[in-house]
Protein backbone atom coordinates (compact mmCIF):
# COMPACT_ATOMS: atom_id res chain seq x y z
CA MET A 1 -5.73 -18.76 -4.00
CA VAL A 2 -5.90 -18.88 -0.24
CA GLU A 3 -6.59 -22.22 -0.22
CA ALA A 4 -3.81 -23.01 -2.54
CA LEU A 5 -1.11 -21.11 -0.42
CA GLU A 6 -2.83 -22.66 2.74
CA LYS A 7 -1.94 -26.41 1.16
CA ASP A 8 1.72 -25.59 -0.53
CA TYR A 9 2.66 -22.30 -1.21
CA THR A 10 5.41 -24.25 -3.48
CA THR A 11 2.37 -25.56 -5.93
CA ALA A 12 0.14 -22.41 -5.67
CA PRO A 13 -0.53 -20.18 -8.58
CA ILE A 14 2.06 -17.08 -7.95
CA THR A 15 4.75 -15.77 -9.79
CA ALA A 16 8.53 -16.29 -9.03
CA ALA A 17 9.20 -13.40 -7.15
CA GLU A 18 6.31 -14.09 -4.75
CA ARG A 19 7.68 -17.59 -4.81
CA VAL A 20 11.35 -16.57 -3.74
CA MET A 21 9.74 -14.15 -0.92
CA LEU A 22 7.74 -17.36 0.42
CA ASP A 23 10.73 -19.29 0.56
CA TYR A 24 12.65 -16.24 2.40
CA VAL A 25 10.12 -15.81 4.97
CA VAL A 26 9.84 -19.69 5.76
CA THR A 27 13.48 -20.00 6.32
CA LEU A 28 13.18 -16.58 8.38
CA THR A 29 10.36 -18.19 10.47
CA LYS A 30 11.84 -21.66 11.15
CA ASP A 31 15.40 -20.54 11.74
CA ALA A 32 16.46 -16.88 10.89
CA THR A 33 19.89 -17.98 11.67
CA LYS A 34 19.83 -19.86 8.25
CA ILE A 35 19.53 -16.35 6.14
CA ARG A 36 22.45 -16.08 3.95
CA ARG A 37 23.56 -13.25 1.57
CA GLU A 38 22.73 -15.53 -1.08
CA ASP A 39 18.86 -15.47 0.30
CA HIS A 40 19.04 -11.92 -0.23
CA ASP A 41 20.74 -12.05 -3.38
CA ARG A 42 17.97 -14.26 -4.56
CA LEU A 43 15.47 -11.83 -3.53
CA ARG A 44 17.40 -8.91 -5.44
CA GLU A 45 17.29 -11.09 -8.50
CA ALA A 46 13.70 -11.87 -8.33
CA GLY A 47 13.25 -7.98 -8.22
CA PHE A 48 13.16 -6.89 -4.49
CA ASN A 49 15.37 -3.56 -3.60
CA ASP A 50 17.18 -3.12 -0.13
CA GLN A 51 14.28 -1.43 1.13
CA ALA A 52 11.45 -4.10 0.13
CA ILE A 53 13.85 -6.71 1.59
CA LEU A 54 13.68 -4.96 4.91
CA GLN A 55 10.05 -4.63 4.64
CA ILE A 56 9.48 -8.27 3.74
CA THR A 57 12.02 -8.96 6.93
CA LEU A 58 10.22 -6.69 9.43
CA ILE A 59 6.99 -7.66 8.72
CA ALA A 60 7.52 -11.52 8.74
CA SER A 61 9.48 -11.36 11.81
CA TRP A 62 6.40 -8.92 13.94
CA PHE A 63 3.85 -11.42 12.81
CA ASN A 64 6.38 -14.31 14.06
CA TYR A 65 6.83 -11.94 17.54
CA ILE A 66 3.34 -11.26 17.93
CA ASN A 67 2.31 -15.00 17.49
CA ARG A 68 4.56 -16.37 19.63
CA VAL A 69 3.21 -13.94 22.35
CA ALA A 70 -0.28 -14.85 21.93
CA ASP A 71 0.48 -18.50 21.88
CA ALA A 72 2.65 -17.81 25.41
CA LEU A 73 -0.88 -15.95 27.01
CA GLY A 74 -3.09 -18.28 25.57
CA VAL A 75 -4.72 -15.88 23.48
CA GLY A 76 -7.27 -17.78 21.42
CA ARG A 77 -7.61 -20.88 23.35
CA GLU A 78 -10.56 -22.01 24.98
């Protein structure tokens, strides 16, 4: 599963709801200003409530933030 997700999550054996969530997270990661109401509507249609959408957003944003901090400080580089 991990290998399939790393290779291409769009072809990995995941649920439709998981795919919608990952589509949202990818958009948030690449350019959060492109998130629209329609993205939240798709998450709701996939079964995520407002609390879940907030949690998805916070977790993805935190990982984006902490990875950028680590990159800027050279953490993990030799």
